[in-house]
Amino acid sequence: MAGPAADGHPAALVRLDAETAWRLCVRGIEPADALTRAEIEGDRQLAEAACRIVSVVH
């Protein structure tokens, strides 16, 4: 897991609306689709990795 960059700022920032984040976490949409809806700052590869998240919801 990567920490903050040497300057104290995150290496990547991914902003998703709540609906997209929910669908992404439960695999209702593909990571590539979520990325088209995301605002990304910083390291693109790291942002893409973050969009491969999966959650288990009970």
C-alpha atoms as a PDB file:
ATOM      1  CA  MET A   1       0.000   0.000   0.000  1.00  0.00           C
ATOM      2  CA  ALA A   2       1.374   3.396  -0.925  1.00  0.00           C
ATOM      3  CA  GLY A   3       1.486   6.265   1.516  1.00  0.00           C
ATOM      4  CA  PRO A   4       1.493   9.974   0.875  1.00  0.00           C
ATOM      5  CA  ALA A   5       4.056  11.404  -1.510  1.00  0.00           C
ATOM      6  CA  ALA A   6       7.124  13.097  -0.044  1.00  0.00           C
ATOM      7  CA  ASP A   7       5.341  16.457  -0.175  1.00  0.00           C
ATOM      8  CA  GLY A   8       2.515  15.154   2.043  1.00  0.00           C
ATOM      9  CA  HIS A   9      -0.104  15.056  -0.730  1.00  0.00           C
ATOM     10  CA  PRO A  10      -1.754  11.829  -1.877  1.00  0.00           C
ATOM     11  CA  ALA A  11      -0.144  10.100  -4.852  1.00  0.00           C
ATOM     12  CA  ALA A  12      -3.610   9.711  -6.418  1.00  0.00           C
ATOM     13  CA  LEU A  13      -7.092  11.002  -5.760  1.00  0.00           C
ATOM     14  CA  VAL A  14     -10.229   9.368  -7.193  1.00  0.00           C
ATOM     15  CA  ARG A  15     -13.600  11.082  -6.852  1.00  0.00           C
ATOM     16  CA  LEU A  16     -16.749   9.084  -7.606  1.00  0.00           C
ATOM     17  CA  ASP A  17     -20.387   9.928  -7.054  1.00  0.00           C
ATOM     18  CA  ALA A  18     -22.141   7.704  -4.508  1.00  0.00           C
ATOM     19  CA  GLU A  19     -24.077   5.682  -7.097  1.00  0.00           C
ATOM     20  CA  THR A  20     -20.952   4.869  -9.115  1.00  0.00           C
ATOM     21  CA  ALA A  21     -18.967   3.979  -5.978  1.00  0.00           C
ATOM     22  CA  TRP A  22     -21.723   1.653  -4.770  1.00  0.00           C
ATOM     23  CA  ARG A  23     -22.052  -0.086  -8.125  1.00  0.00           C
ATOM     24  CA  LEU A  24     -18.283  -0.422  -8.414  1.00  0.00           C
ATOM     25  CA  CYS A  25     -17.901  -1.993  -4.971  1.00  0.00           C
ATOM     26  CA  VAL A  26     -20.602  -4.585  -5.592  1.00  0.00           C
ATOM     27  CA  ARG A  27     -19.505  -5.202  -9.187  1.00  0.00           C
ATOM     28  CA  GLY A  28     -22.594  -3.630 -10.700  1.00  0.00           C
ATOM     29  CA  ILE A  29     -20.302  -1.864 -13.173  1.00  0.00           C
ATOM     30  CA  GLU A  30     -16.853  -2.625 -14.521  1.00  0.00           C
ATOM     31  CA  PRO A  31     -13.822  -0.668 -13.280  1.00  0.00           C
ATOM     32  CA  ALA A  32     -13.311   0.805 -16.763  1.00  0.00           C
ATOM     33  CA  ASP A  33     -16.855   2.207 -16.683  1.00  0.00           C
ATOM     34  CA  ALA A  34     -16.299   3.718 -13.246  1.00  0.00           C
ATOM     35  CA  LEU A  35     -13.091   5.348 -14.447  1.00  0.00           C
ATOM     36  CA  THR A  36     -14.990   7.146 -17.210  1.00  0.00           C
ATOM     37  CA  ARG A  37     -17.195   8.696 -14.502  1.00  0.00           C
ATOM     38  CA  ALA A  38     -14.351   9.483 -12.090  1.00  0.00           C
ATOM     39  CA  GLU A  39     -12.368  12.629 -11.467  1.00  0.00           C
ATOM     40  CA  ILE A  40      -8.732  11.566 -11.151  1.00  0.00           C
ATOM     41  CA  GLU A  41      -5.783  13.564  -9.887  1.00  0.00           C
ATOM     42  CA  GLY A  42      -2.255  12.231  -9.695  1.00  0.00           C
ATOM     43  CA  ASP A  43      -1.014   8.748 -10.541  1.00  0.00           C
ATOM     44  CA  ARG A  44      -3.411   7.240 -13.104  1.00  0.00           C
ATOM     45  CA  GLN A  45      -2.193   3.654 -12.528  1.00  0.00           C
ATOM     46  CA  LEU A  46      -2.823   3.950  -8.808  1.00  0.00           C
ATOM     47  CA  ALA A  47      -6.299   5.370  -9.469  1.00  0.00           C
ATOM     48  CA  GLU A  48      -7.055   2.469 -11.808  1.00  0.00           C
ATOM     49  CA  ALA A  49      -5.969   0.008  -9.116  1.00  0.00           C
ATOM     50  CA  ALA A  50      -8.288   1.710  -6.602  1.00  0.00           C
ATOM     51  CA  CYS A  51     -11.186   1.198  -9.018  1.00  0.00           C
ATOM     52  CA  ARG A  52     -10.742  -2.562  -8.836  1.00  0.00           C
ATOM     53  CA  ILE A  53     -12.117  -2.542  -5.284  1.00  0.00           C
ATOM     54  CA  VAL A  54     -14.664  -5.174  -4.275  1.00  0.00           C
ATOM     55  CA  SER A  55     -16.794  -5.083  -1.129  1.00  0.00           C
ATOM     56  CA  VAL A  56     -18.850  -7.718   0.604  1.00  0.00           C
ATOM     57  CA  VAL A  57     -22.160  -6.324   1.819  1.00  0.00           C
ATOM     58  CA  HIS A  58     -24.407  -8.298   4.191  1.00  0.00           C
END
